[in-house]
């Protein structure tokens, strides 16, 4: 994480960035981060992106440096030539951090990932799933992260006994998911259910 500081060697205010990496995906947090960068800052525009790392940064970096994400030279140039912008961004980043800290705790999520598809139709998917977090149970409604608008109900769950050849994949289970658009869910799709939600 890089937040704004004054460089002791030059006395210049650094251009702030917030960066982090979750140990597992949290797609249910994306809208909160987008909302915070829209509403909390008062001095400049900010952006949120999620690639290998999650990053909150002044939108000026994309405007002037492109979407590639390697903005070291541009950041250095801004720090050398636009201290007013750096100071304004520093005030904003404090508001962004406060806004994130003030968010209510989100419900715990149950997650599963499609490992192998056994049978698929428009409204039903039978698959082998892995990557379980939380406690998936029959009756829960899951959202497909990569297929917006698709919600499916877990109607069957049967755990496979652990075997040496599947040990590296972690626990595996045969699951049946029912709902409009279930057939659009593909291999490696992440499914999320907010516990206590539907």
N, C-alpha and C. Protein backbone atom coordinates (compact mmCIF):
# COMPACT_ATOMS: atom_id res chain seq x y z
N UNK A 1 0.84 -1.17 0.00
CA UNK A 1 0.00 0.00 0.00
C UNK A 1 0.89 1.23 0.00
N UNK A 2 0.49 2.21 -0.78
CA UNK A 2 1.24 3.45 -0.83
C UNK A 2 0.26 4.58 -0.58
N UNK A 3 0.39 5.23 0.54
CA UNK A 3 -0.44 6.41 0.79
C UNK A 3 0.47 7.61 0.76
N UNK A 4 -0.13 8.78 0.85
CA UNK A 4 0.66 9.98 0.67
C UNK A 4 1.57 10.24 1.85
N UNK A 5 2.81 10.56 1.54
CA UNK A 5 3.78 10.94 2.56
C UNK A 5 4.65 12.03 1.96
N UNK A 6 5.37 12.72 2.82
CA UNK A 6 6.34 13.69 2.33
C UNK A 6 7.69 13.00 2.29
N UNK A 7 8.34 13.06 1.13
CA UNK A 7 9.67 12.46 1.00
C UNK A 7 10.65 13.29 1.83
N UNK A 8 11.35 12.62 2.73
CA UNK A 8 12.29 13.35 3.60
C UNK A 8 13.47 13.90 2.81
N UNK A 9 13.85 13.24 1.73
CA UNK A 9 15.01 13.70 0.95
C UNK A 9 14.70 14.95 0.13
N UNK A 10 13.45 15.08 -0.34
CA UNK A 10 13.12 16.22 -1.21
C UNK A 10 12.13 17.19 -0.59
N UNK A 11 11.41 16.75 0.43
CA UNK A 11 10.36 17.59 1.02
C UNK A 11 9.11 17.65 0.18
N UNK A 12 9.01 16.84 -0.88
CA UNK A 12 7.83 16.84 -1.76
C UNK A 12 6.76 15.88 -1.24
N UNK A 13 5.51 16.28 -1.41
CA UNK A 13 4.39 15.40 -1.07
C UNK A 13 4.25 14.37 -2.19
N UNK A 14 4.19 13.07 -1.82
CA UNK A 14 4.04 12.01 -2.80
C UNK A 14 2.59 11.92 -3.26
N UNK A 15 2.41 11.45 -4.50
CA UNK A 15 1.06 11.21 -5.01
C UNK A 15 0.54 9.90 -4.41
N UNK A 16 -0.60 9.93 -3.71
CA UNK A 16 -1.06 8.73 -3.00
C UNK A 16 -1.74 7.70 -3.90
N UNK A 17 -1.55 6.45 -3.54
CA UNK A 17 -2.24 5.30 -4.12
C UNK A 17 -2.60 4.36 -2.99
N UNK A 18 -3.67 3.61 -3.15
CA UNK A 18 -4.00 2.53 -2.21
C UNK A 18 -4.01 1.24 -3.00
N UNK A 19 -3.20 0.27 -2.61
CA UNK A 19 -3.17 -1.00 -3.30
C UNK A 19 -3.15 -2.15 -2.32
N UNK A 20 -3.80 -3.24 -2.68
CA UNK A 20 -3.84 -4.43 -1.82
C UNK A 20 -4.21 -5.64 -2.64
N UNK A 21 -4.05 -6.81 -2.04
CA UNK A 21 -4.45 -8.06 -2.68
C UNK A 21 -5.17 -8.92 -1.65
N UNK A 22 -6.37 -9.39 -2.01
CA UNK A 22 -7.10 -10.32 -1.15
C UNK A 22 -6.55 -11.72 -1.35
N UNK A 23 -6.59 -12.54 -0.30
CA UNK A 23 -6.16 -13.93 -0.43
C UNK A 23 -7.16 -14.75 -1.24
N UNK A 24 -8.40 -14.28 -1.35
CA UNK A 24 -9.41 -14.92 -2.18
C UNK A 24 -10.30 -13.84 -2.76
N UNK A 25 -11.01 -14.09 -3.86
CA UNK A 25 -11.83 -13.04 -4.49
C UNK A 25 -12.96 -12.57 -3.59
N UNK A 26 -13.27 -11.30 -3.65
CA UNK A 26 -14.39 -10.72 -2.91
C UNK A 26 -15.21 -9.83 -3.83
N UNK A 27 -15.87 -10.42 -4.84
CA UNK A 27 -16.62 -9.60 -5.79
C UNK A 27 -17.74 -8.80 -5.15
N UNK A 28 -18.22 -9.26 -3.99
CA UNK A 28 -19.30 -8.54 -3.32
C UNK A 28 -18.84 -7.18 -2.79
N UNK A 29 -17.54 -6.93 -2.76
CA UNK A 29 -17.02 -5.64 -2.28
C UNK A 29 -16.80 -4.64 -3.40
N UNK A 30 -16.84 -5.06 -4.65
CA UNK A 30 -16.51 -4.17 -5.77
C UNK A 30 -17.37 -2.92 -5.79
N UNK A 31 -18.68 -3.07 -5.65
CA UNK A 31 -19.55 -1.90 -5.72
C UNK A 31 -19.27 -0.92 -4.59
N UNK A 32 -18.94 -1.44 -3.40
CA UNK A 32 -18.61 -0.56 -2.28
C UNK A 32 -17.38 0.29 -2.62
N UNK A 33 -16.33 -0.34 -3.18
CA UNK A 33 -15.13 0.43 -3.53
C UNK A 33 -15.42 1.45 -4.63
N UNK A 34 -16.20 1.07 -5.64
CA UNK A 34 -16.56 2.02 -6.69
C UNK A 34 -17.34 3.19 -6.11
N UNK A 35 -18.26 2.89 -5.20
CA UNK A 35 -19.06 3.94 -4.56
C UNK A 35 -18.20 4.89 -3.74
N UNK A 36 -17.26 4.34 -2.98
CA UNK A 36 -16.39 5.17 -2.14
C UNK A 36 -15.55 6.12 -2.99
N UNK A 37 -14.98 5.64 -4.09
CA UNK A 37 -14.14 6.54 -4.90
C UNK A 37 -14.97 7.57 -5.66
N UNK A 38 -16.26 7.32 -5.84
CA UNK A 38 -17.15 8.32 -6.45
C UNK A 38 -17.56 9.39 -5.44
N UNK A 39 -17.82 8.98 -4.20
CA UNK A 39 -18.49 9.88 -3.25
C UNK A 39 -17.58 10.52 -2.21
N UNK A 40 -16.50 9.86 -1.81
CA UNK A 40 -15.69 10.40 -0.70
C UNK A 40 -14.78 11.56 -1.10
N UNK A 41 -14.09 11.52 -2.25
CA UNK A 41 -13.14 12.59 -2.57
C UNK A 41 -13.85 13.92 -2.86
N UNK A 42 -13.14 15.01 -2.57
CA UNK A 42 -13.69 16.34 -2.85
C UNK A 42 -12.81 17.14 -3.79
N UNK A 43 -11.55 16.73 -3.97
CA UNK A 43 -10.59 17.56 -4.70
C UNK A 43 -10.27 17.09 -6.11
N UNK A 44 -10.33 15.81 -6.36
CA UNK A 44 -10.00 15.28 -7.68
C UNK A 44 -10.77 13.98 -7.91
N UNK A 45 -10.77 13.49 -9.14
CA UNK A 45 -11.47 12.24 -9.44
C UNK A 45 -10.55 11.06 -9.14
N UNK A 46 -11.18 9.96 -8.66
CA UNK A 46 -10.45 8.76 -8.31
C UNK A 46 -11.05 7.57 -9.04
N UNK A 47 -10.27 6.50 -9.17
CA UNK A 47 -10.73 5.27 -9.82
C UNK A 47 -10.38 4.07 -8.96
N UNK A 48 -11.16 3.02 -9.15
CA UNK A 48 -10.89 1.73 -8.51
C UNK A 48 -10.77 0.69 -9.62
N UNK A 49 -9.76 -0.15 -9.55
CA UNK A 49 -9.61 -1.24 -10.50
C UNK A 49 -9.20 -2.49 -9.76
N UNK A 50 -9.58 -3.62 -10.34
CA UNK A 50 -9.24 -4.90 -9.74
C UNK A 50 -8.68 -5.80 -10.82
N UNK A 51 -7.38 -6.03 -10.76
CA UNK A 51 -6.73 -6.96 -11.68
C UNK A 51 -6.06 -7.99 -10.79
N UNK A 52 -4.74 -8.12 -10.92
CA UNK A 52 -4.02 -9.00 -10.00
C UNK A 52 -4.09 -8.43 -8.59
N UNK A 53 -3.99 -7.11 -8.49
CA UNK A 53 -4.14 -6.39 -7.22
C UNK A 53 -5.34 -5.46 -7.33
N UNK A 54 -5.89 -5.08 -6.20
CA UNK A 54 -6.91 -4.03 -6.16
C UNK A 54 -6.18 -2.71 -5.98
N UNK A 55 -6.69 -1.66 -6.63
CA UNK A 55 -5.99 -0.39 -6.60
C UNK A 55 -6.99 0.77 -6.64
N UNK A 56 -6.78 1.74 -5.75
CA UNK A 56 -7.51 3.01 -5.77
C UNK A 56 -6.47 4.08 -6.06
N UNK A 57 -6.72 4.91 -7.08
CA UNK A 57 -5.71 5.86 -7.54
C UNK A 57 -6.38 7.07 -8.18
N UNK A 58 -5.68 8.21 -8.24
CA UNK A 58 -6.24 9.37 -8.93
C UNK A 58 -6.46 9.05 -10.41
N UNK A 59 -7.64 9.38 -10.93
CA UNK A 59 -7.98 9.08 -12.32
C UNK A 59 -7.03 9.77 -13.30
N UNK A 60 -6.38 10.81 -12.87
CA UNK A 60 -5.42 11.51 -13.73
C UNK A 60 -4.35 10.56 -14.26
N UNK A 61 -4.01 9.53 -13.51
CA UNK A 61 -2.99 8.59 -13.96
C UNK A 61 -3.44 7.86 -15.24
N UNK A 62 -4.72 7.51 -15.34
CA UNK A 62 -5.22 6.87 -16.56
C UNK A 62 -5.32 7.90 -17.68
N UNK A 63 -5.83 9.09 -17.34
CA UNK A 63 -6.01 10.14 -18.35
C UNK A 63 -4.68 10.48 -19.03
N UNK A 64 -3.63 10.62 -18.25
CA UNK A 64 -2.35 11.05 -18.80
C UNK A 64 -1.41 9.89 -19.12
N UNK A 65 -1.56 8.76 -18.44
CA UNK A 65 -0.61 7.66 -18.62
C UNK A 65 -1.17 6.43 -19.27
N UNK A 66 -2.48 6.40 -19.53
CA UNK A 66 -3.10 5.24 -20.14
C UNK A 66 -3.46 4.18 -19.11
N UNK A 67 -4.24 3.19 -19.52
CA UNK A 67 -4.75 2.18 -18.59
C UNK A 67 -3.75 1.10 -18.21
N UNK A 68 -2.53 1.12 -18.76
CA UNK A 68 -1.56 0.05 -18.52
C UNK A 68 -1.20 -0.19 -17.07
N UNK A 69 -1.13 0.84 -16.26
CA UNK A 69 -0.88 0.67 -14.83
C UNK A 69 0.55 0.87 -14.39
N UNK A 70 1.52 1.05 -15.27
CA UNK A 70 2.90 1.32 -14.85
C UNK A 70 3.12 2.82 -14.97
N UNK A 71 2.82 3.53 -13.89
CA UNK A 71 2.80 4.99 -13.91
C UNK A 71 3.94 5.60 -13.11
N UNK A 72 5.03 4.86 -12.90
CA UNK A 72 6.12 5.37 -12.06
C UNK A 72 6.66 6.71 -12.56
N UNK A 73 6.96 6.79 -13.86
CA UNK A 73 7.52 8.03 -14.40
C UNK A 73 6.51 9.17 -14.31
N UNK A 74 5.24 8.87 -14.61
CA UNK A 74 4.20 9.90 -14.53
C UNK A 74 4.02 10.37 -13.10
N UNK A 75 3.99 9.44 -12.14
CA UNK A 75 3.87 9.83 -10.73
C UNK A 75 5.02 10.74 -10.32
N UNK A 76 6.22 10.37 -10.72
CA UNK A 76 7.39 11.18 -10.39
C UNK A 76 7.28 12.58 -10.99
N UNK A 77 6.81 12.65 -12.24
CA UNK A 77 6.65 13.94 -12.90
C UNK A 77 5.61 14.81 -12.18
N UNK A 78 4.50 14.20 -11.80
CA UNK A 78 3.45 14.95 -11.08
C UNK A 78 3.99 15.43 -9.73
N UNK A 79 4.72 14.55 -9.03
CA UNK A 79 5.29 14.94 -7.73
C UNK A 79 6.28 16.09 -7.87
N UNK A 80 7.04 16.12 -8.95
CA UNK A 80 8.03 17.18 -9.17
C UNK A 80 7.39 18.50 -9.58
N UNK A 81 6.29 18.41 -10.38
CA UNK A 81 5.77 19.60 -11.03
C UNK A 81 4.38 20.04 -10.61
N UNK A 82 3.68 19.24 -9.80
CA UNK A 82 2.31 19.63 -9.41
C UNK A 82 2.05 19.25 -7.96
N UNK A 83 2.74 19.93 -7.06
CA UNK A 83 2.57 19.67 -5.63
C UNK A 83 1.18 20.04 -5.14
N UNK A 84 0.55 20.99 -5.79
CA UNK A 84 -0.82 21.36 -5.41
C UNK A 84 -1.77 20.18 -5.61
N UNK A 85 -1.60 19.47 -6.74
CA UNK A 85 -2.42 18.29 -7.01
C UNK A 85 -2.13 17.19 -5.99
N UNK A 86 -0.84 16.98 -5.68
CA UNK A 86 -0.46 15.94 -4.72
C UNK A 86 -1.05 16.22 -3.33
N UNK A 87 -1.03 17.48 -2.92
CA UNK A 87 -1.59 17.86 -1.61
C UNK A 87 -3.10 17.65 -1.60
N UNK A 88 -3.78 18.01 -2.70
CA UNK A 88 -5.23 17.82 -2.79
C UNK A 88 -5.58 16.33 -2.77
N UNK A 89 -4.79 15.54 -3.50
CA UNK A 89 -5.03 14.09 -3.53
C UNK A 89 -4.78 13.47 -2.15
N UNK A 90 -3.81 14.00 -1.42
CA UNK A 90 -3.52 13.50 -0.06
C UNK A 90 -4.71 13.70 0.86
N UNK A 91 -5.37 14.85 0.75
CA UNK A 91 -6.57 15.09 1.56
C UNK A 91 -7.68 14.11 1.17
N UNK A 92 -7.82 13.89 -0.14
CA UNK A 92 -8.84 12.95 -0.62
C UNK A 92 -8.59 11.54 -0.13
N UNK A 93 -7.34 11.09 -0.16
CA UNK A 93 -7.06 9.70 0.21
C UNK A 93 -7.40 9.46 1.68
N UNK A 94 -7.23 10.48 2.51
CA UNK A 94 -7.63 10.34 3.92
C UNK A 94 -9.14 10.16 4.02
N UNK A 95 -9.90 10.90 3.21
CA UNK A 95 -11.37 10.75 3.21
C UNK A 95 -11.77 9.36 2.69
N UNK A 96 -11.05 8.87 1.68
CA UNK A 96 -11.35 7.55 1.13
C UNK A 96 -11.11 6.47 2.19
N UNK A 97 -9.99 6.56 2.88
CA UNK A 97 -9.70 5.57 3.94
C UNK A 97 -10.75 5.64 5.04
N UNK A 98 -11.14 6.84 5.44
CA UNK A 98 -12.19 6.99 6.46
C UNK A 98 -13.51 6.41 5.98
N UNK A 99 -13.86 6.63 4.70
CA UNK A 99 -15.12 6.12 4.15
C UNK A 99 -15.12 4.59 4.10
N UNK A 100 -13.99 3.99 3.76
CA UNK A 100 -13.91 2.52 3.75
C UNK A 100 -14.06 1.99 5.17
N UNK A 101 -13.38 2.64 6.12
CA UNK A 101 -13.44 2.20 7.53
C UNK A 101 -14.86 2.33 8.09
N UNK A 102 -15.63 3.28 7.59
CA UNK A 102 -16.98 3.53 8.10
C UNK A 102 -18.03 2.59 7.50
N UNK A 103 -17.66 1.78 6.52
CA UNK A 103 -18.63 0.88 5.88
C UNK A 103 -19.10 -0.17 6.89
N UNK A 104 -20.39 -0.48 6.86
CA UNK A 104 -20.86 -1.55 7.75
C UNK A 104 -20.23 -2.88 7.32
N UNK A 105 -20.07 -3.75 8.30
CA UNK A 105 -19.50 -5.07 8.00
C UNK A 105 -20.44 -5.80 7.04
N UNK A 106 -19.88 -6.32 5.99
CA UNK A 106 -20.68 -7.08 5.03
C UNK A 106 -20.89 -8.50 5.55
N UNK A 107 -21.99 -9.11 5.14
CA UNK A 107 -22.21 -10.48 5.57
C UNK A 107 -21.14 -11.40 5.01
N UNK A 108 -20.89 -12.48 5.72
CA UNK A 108 -19.94 -13.47 5.25
C UNK A 108 -20.47 -14.09 3.96
N UNK A 109 -19.59 -14.41 3.06
CA UNK A 109 -20.01 -15.00 1.80
C UNK A 109 -19.59 -16.45 1.73
N UNK A 110 -20.45 -17.26 1.13
CA UNK A 110 -20.08 -18.63 0.77
C UNK A 110 -19.70 -18.58 -0.70
N UNK A 111 -18.61 -19.26 -1.07
CA UNK A 111 -18.13 -19.26 -2.45
C UNK A 111 -17.85 -20.68 -2.90
N UNK A 112 -18.13 -20.91 -4.17
CA UNK A 112 -17.73 -22.16 -4.81
C UNK A 112 -17.24 -21.82 -6.22
N UNK A 113 -16.39 -22.67 -6.75
CA UNK A 113 -15.86 -22.46 -8.09
C UNK A 113 -16.13 -23.71 -8.92
N UNK A 114 -16.62 -23.51 -10.14
CA UNK A 114 -16.92 -24.64 -11.03
C UNK A 114 -15.61 -25.24 -11.50
N UNK A 115 -15.44 -26.52 -11.24
CA UNK A 115 -14.22 -27.23 -11.60
C UNK A 115 -14.40 -28.02 -12.90
N UNK A 116 -15.55 -28.66 -13.03
CA UNK A 116 -15.81 -29.52 -14.18
C UNK A 116 -17.31 -29.57 -14.41
N UNK A 117 -17.74 -29.45 -15.65
CA UNK A 117 -19.17 -29.48 -15.96
C UNK A 117 -19.56 -30.90 -16.35
N UNK A 118 -20.60 -31.43 -15.69
CA UNK A 118 -21.09 -32.77 -16.00
C UNK A 118 -22.28 -32.71 -16.96
N UNK A 119 -23.19 -31.76 -16.70
CA UNK A 119 -24.39 -31.65 -17.53
C UNK A 119 -24.87 -30.21 -17.45
N UNK A 120 -25.30 -29.66 -18.59
CA UNK A 120 -25.73 -28.27 -18.60
C UNK A 120 -26.94 -28.10 -19.51
N UNK A 121 -27.94 -27.37 -19.01
CA UNK A 121 -29.07 -26.99 -19.85
C UNK A 121 -29.39 -25.54 -19.52
N UNK A 122 -30.39 -24.99 -20.16
CA UNK A 122 -30.73 -23.58 -19.96
C UNK A 122 -30.95 -23.23 -18.49
N UNK A 123 -31.64 -24.11 -17.76
CA UNK A 123 -32.02 -23.79 -16.38
C UNK A 123 -31.38 -24.69 -15.33
N UNK A 124 -30.43 -25.54 -15.72
CA UNK A 124 -29.82 -26.42 -14.73
C UNK A 124 -28.36 -26.69 -15.09
N UNK A 125 -27.53 -26.70 -14.06
CA UNK A 125 -26.11 -27.04 -14.23
C UNK A 125 -25.74 -28.08 -13.18
N UNK A 126 -25.23 -29.21 -13.66
CA UNK A 126 -24.67 -30.22 -12.76
C UNK A 126 -23.17 -30.18 -12.98
N UNK A 127 -22.43 -29.96 -11.90
CA UNK A 127 -20.98 -29.79 -12.06
C UNK A 127 -20.23 -30.29 -10.83
N UNK A 128 -18.94 -30.43 -11.00
CA UNK A 128 -18.05 -30.69 -9.87
C UNK A 128 -17.52 -29.31 -9.46
N UNK A 129 -17.60 -29.02 -8.18
CA UNK A 129 -17.19 -27.70 -7.67
C UNK A 129 -16.03 -27.86 -6.70
N UNK A 130 -15.24 -26.79 -6.58
CA UNK A 130 -14.10 -26.76 -5.67
C UNK A 130 -14.00 -25.37 -5.08
N UNK A 131 -12.92 -25.12 -4.33
CA UNK A 131 -12.65 -23.78 -3.81
C UNK A 131 -13.72 -23.29 -2.87
N UNK A 132 -14.20 -24.14 -2.01
CA UNK A 132 -15.29 -23.79 -1.11
C UNK A 132 -14.79 -22.87 0.01
N UNK A 133 -15.53 -21.79 0.25
CA UNK A 133 -15.34 -21.00 1.47
C UNK A 133 -16.72 -20.79 2.07
N UNK A 134 -16.74 -20.47 3.34
CA UNK A 134 -18.05 -20.42 4.00
C UNK A 134 -18.59 -21.83 4.10
N UNK A 135 -19.88 -21.96 4.22
CA UNK A 135 -20.50 -23.28 4.32
C UNK A 135 -21.66 -23.38 3.35
N UNK A 136 -21.38 -23.70 2.08
CA UNK A 136 -22.46 -23.84 1.10
C UNK A 136 -23.44 -24.91 1.54
N UNK A 137 -24.74 -24.62 1.39
CA UNK A 137 -25.78 -25.56 1.77
C UNK A 137 -26.88 -25.54 0.73
N UNK A 138 -27.58 -26.66 0.65
CA UNK A 138 -28.73 -26.76 -0.25
C UNK A 138 -29.73 -25.67 0.12
N UNK A 139 -30.25 -24.99 -0.91
CA UNK A 139 -31.21 -23.92 -0.71
C UNK A 139 -30.61 -22.53 -0.89
N UNK A 140 -29.29 -22.41 -0.79
CA UNK A 140 -28.65 -21.11 -0.95
C UNK A 140 -28.73 -20.65 -2.40
N UNK A 141 -28.82 -19.32 -2.58
CA UNK A 141 -28.84 -18.73 -3.91
C UNK A 141 -27.47 -18.10 -4.17
N UNK A 142 -26.86 -18.47 -5.29
CA UNK A 142 -25.54 -17.99 -5.67
C UNK A 142 -25.62 -17.10 -6.90
N UNK A 143 -24.75 -16.11 -6.94
CA UNK A 143 -24.60 -15.25 -8.10
C UNK A 143 -23.33 -15.64 -8.84
N UNK A 144 -23.41 -15.71 -10.16
CA UNK A 144 -22.22 -15.99 -10.98
C UNK A 144 -21.48 -14.68 -11.19
N UNK A 145 -20.23 -14.61 -10.74
CA UNK A 145 -19.45 -13.37 -10.82
C UNK A 145 -19.21 -12.94 -12.26
N UNK A 146 -18.87 -13.89 -13.14
CA UNK A 146 -18.54 -13.54 -14.51
C UNK A 146 -19.72 -13.53 -15.46
N UNK A 147 -20.92 -13.82 -14.96
CA UNK A 147 -22.12 -13.83 -15.81
C UNK A 147 -23.17 -12.96 -15.10
N UNK A 148 -23.12 -11.63 -15.31
CA UNK A 148 -24.01 -10.73 -14.59
C UNK A 148 -25.48 -11.10 -14.77
N UNK A 149 -26.21 -11.00 -13.66
CA UNK A 149 -27.65 -11.25 -13.69
C UNK A 149 -28.05 -12.71 -13.51
N UNK A 150 -27.08 -13.63 -13.51
CA UNK A 150 -27.43 -15.05 -13.36
C UNK A 150 -27.38 -15.42 -11.88
N UNK A 151 -28.53 -15.86 -11.36
CA UNK A 151 -28.62 -16.35 -9.99
C UNK A 151 -29.16 -17.77 -10.04
N UNK A 152 -28.55 -18.63 -9.27
CA UNK A 152 -28.95 -20.04 -9.26
C UNK A 152 -29.07 -20.53 -7.82
N UNK A 153 -30.00 -21.48 -7.64
CA UNK A 153 -30.20 -22.08 -6.32
C UNK A 153 -29.47 -23.41 -6.27
N UNK A 154 -28.74 -23.62 -5.18
CA UNK A 154 -28.05 -24.90 -4.97
C UNK A 154 -29.10 -25.91 -4.51
N UNK A 155 -29.37 -26.92 -5.35
CA UNK A 155 -30.44 -27.88 -5.02
C UNK A 155 -29.90 -29.25 -4.61
N UNK A 156 -28.63 -29.52 -4.88
CA UNK A 156 -28.04 -30.81 -4.47
C UNK A 156 -26.55 -30.61 -4.24
N UNK A 157 -26.04 -31.26 -3.20
CA UNK A 157 -24.62 -31.15 -2.84
C UNK A 157 -24.16 -32.50 -2.31
N UNK A 158 -23.20 -33.11 -2.99
CA UNK A 158 -22.67 -34.40 -2.55
C UNK A 158 -21.15 -34.33 -2.56
N UNK A 159 -20.55 -34.45 -1.39
CA UNK A 159 -19.10 -34.36 -1.26
C UNK A 159 -18.43 -35.63 -1.75
N UNK A 160 -17.34 -35.47 -2.48
CA UNK A 160 -16.52 -36.62 -2.89
C UNK A 160 -15.52 -36.91 -1.79
N UNK A 161 -15.24 -38.20 -1.53
CA UNK A 161 -14.21 -38.50 -0.53
C UNK A 161 -12.84 -38.04 -1.05
N UNK A 162 -11.97 -37.58 -0.15
CA UNK A 162 -10.65 -37.14 -0.61
C UNK A 162 -9.85 -38.29 -1.20
N UNK A 163 -9.15 -38.02 -2.29
CA UNK A 163 -8.31 -39.03 -2.94
C UNK A 163 -6.95 -38.41 -3.20
N UNK A 164 -5.88 -39.22 -3.23
CA UNK A 164 -4.54 -38.68 -3.48
C UNK A 164 -4.45 -37.89 -4.78
N UNK A 165 -5.13 -38.39 -5.84
CA UNK A 165 -5.03 -37.72 -7.14
C UNK A 165 -5.79 -36.39 -7.21
N UNK A 166 -6.71 -36.15 -6.27
CA UNK A 166 -7.46 -34.88 -6.28
C UNK A 166 -7.07 -33.98 -5.11
N UNK A 167 -6.11 -34.40 -4.32
CA UNK A 167 -5.73 -33.66 -3.11
C UNK A 167 -5.34 -32.21 -3.42
N UNK A 168 -4.64 -31.98 -4.53
CA UNK A 168 -4.18 -30.63 -4.84
C UNK A 168 -5.33 -29.68 -5.19
N UNK A 169 -6.49 -30.22 -5.51
CA UNK A 169 -7.65 -29.39 -5.83
C UNK A 169 -8.47 -29.03 -4.59
N UNK A 170 -8.14 -29.62 -3.45
CA UNK A 170 -8.93 -29.39 -2.24
C UNK A 170 -10.22 -30.18 -2.30
N UNK A 171 -11.15 -29.91 -1.38
CA UNK A 171 -12.42 -30.66 -1.37
C UNK A 171 -13.19 -30.47 -2.68
N UNK A 172 -13.76 -31.55 -3.18
CA UNK A 172 -14.59 -31.51 -4.38
C UNK A 172 -15.98 -32.02 -4.04
N UNK A 173 -16.99 -31.46 -4.71
CA UNK A 173 -18.36 -31.92 -4.50
C UNK A 173 -19.12 -31.84 -5.81
N UNK A 174 -20.07 -32.77 -5.98
CA UNK A 174 -20.98 -32.69 -7.12
C UNK A 174 -22.15 -31.83 -6.67
N UNK A 175 -22.42 -30.77 -7.46
CA UNK A 175 -23.51 -29.86 -7.09
C UNK A 175 -24.46 -29.69 -8.26
N UNK A 176 -25.71 -29.43 -7.92
CA UNK A 176 -26.71 -29.09 -8.93
C UNK A 176 -27.18 -27.67 -8.64
N UNK A 177 -27.15 -26.84 -9.69
CA UNK A 177 -27.55 -25.43 -9.58
C UNK A 177 -28.70 -25.20 -10.55
N UNK A 178 -29.80 -24.63 -10.05
CA UNK A 178 -31.00 -24.45 -10.86
C UNK A 178 -31.38 -22.98 -10.89
N UNK A 179 -31.68 -22.48 -12.08
CA UNK A 179 -32.13 -21.10 -12.23
C UNK A 179 -31.97 -20.64 -13.66
N UNK A 180 -32.70 -19.60 -14.04
CA UNK A 180 -32.63 -19.07 -15.39
C UNK A 180 -31.20 -18.63 -15.71
N UNK A 181 -30.65 -19.14 -16.78
CA UNK A 181 -29.29 -18.79 -17.16
C UNK A 181 -28.23 -19.72 -16.62
N UNK A 182 -28.63 -20.77 -15.92
CA UNK A 182 -27.65 -21.71 -15.35
C UNK A 182 -26.72 -22.26 -16.43
N UNK A 183 -27.25 -22.46 -17.63
CA UNK A 183 -26.45 -23.00 -18.72
C UNK A 183 -25.36 -22.06 -19.22
N UNK A 184 -25.42 -20.78 -18.82
CA UNK A 184 -24.40 -19.82 -19.23
C UNK A 184 -23.15 -19.91 -18.35
N UNK A 185 -23.27 -20.59 -17.23
CA UNK A 185 -22.15 -20.70 -16.30
C UNK A 185 -21.14 -21.70 -16.85
N UNK A 186 -19.90 -21.28 -16.93
CA UNK A 186 -18.87 -22.13 -17.50
C UNK A 186 -17.86 -22.60 -16.47
N UNK A 187 -16.91 -23.37 -16.95
CA UNK A 187 -15.83 -23.88 -16.12
C UNK A 187 -15.02 -22.73 -15.55
N UNK A 188 -14.57 -22.85 -14.32
CA UNK A 188 -13.78 -21.87 -13.57
C UNK A 188 -14.60 -20.66 -13.12
N UNK A 189 -15.91 -20.70 -13.31
CA UNK A 189 -16.75 -19.59 -12.85
C UNK A 189 -16.81 -19.59 -11.33
N UNK A 190 -16.75 -18.40 -10.74
CA UNK A 190 -16.87 -18.24 -9.30
C UNK A 190 -18.31 -17.89 -8.98
N UNK A 191 -18.89 -18.59 -8.00
CA UNK A 191 -20.26 -18.35 -7.56
C UNK A 191 -20.23 -17.88 -6.11
N UNK A 192 -20.96 -16.81 -5.81
CA UNK A 192 -20.92 -16.21 -4.48
C UNK A 192 -22.33 -16.11 -3.93
N UNK A 193 -22.48 -16.45 -2.65
CA UNK A 193 -23.75 -16.28 -1.94
C UNK A 193 -23.46 -15.49 -0.68
N UNK A 194 -24.10 -14.33 -0.52
CA UNK A 194 -23.96 -13.60 0.72
C UNK A 194 -24.82 -14.27 1.77
N UNK A 195 -24.21 -14.75 2.82
CA UNK A 195 -24.96 -15.48 3.84
C UNK A 195 -25.93 -14.54 4.50
N UNK A 196 -27.16 -14.99 4.61
CA UNK A 196 -28.21 -14.15 5.15
C UNK A 196 -28.92 -13.40 4.05
N UNK A 197 -28.39 -13.45 2.81
CA UNK A 197 -29.02 -12.78 1.67
C UNK A 197 -29.53 -13.82 0.71
N UNK A 198 -30.10 -13.37 -0.40
CA UNK A 198 -30.59 -14.30 -1.42
C UNK A 198 -30.19 -13.83 -2.78
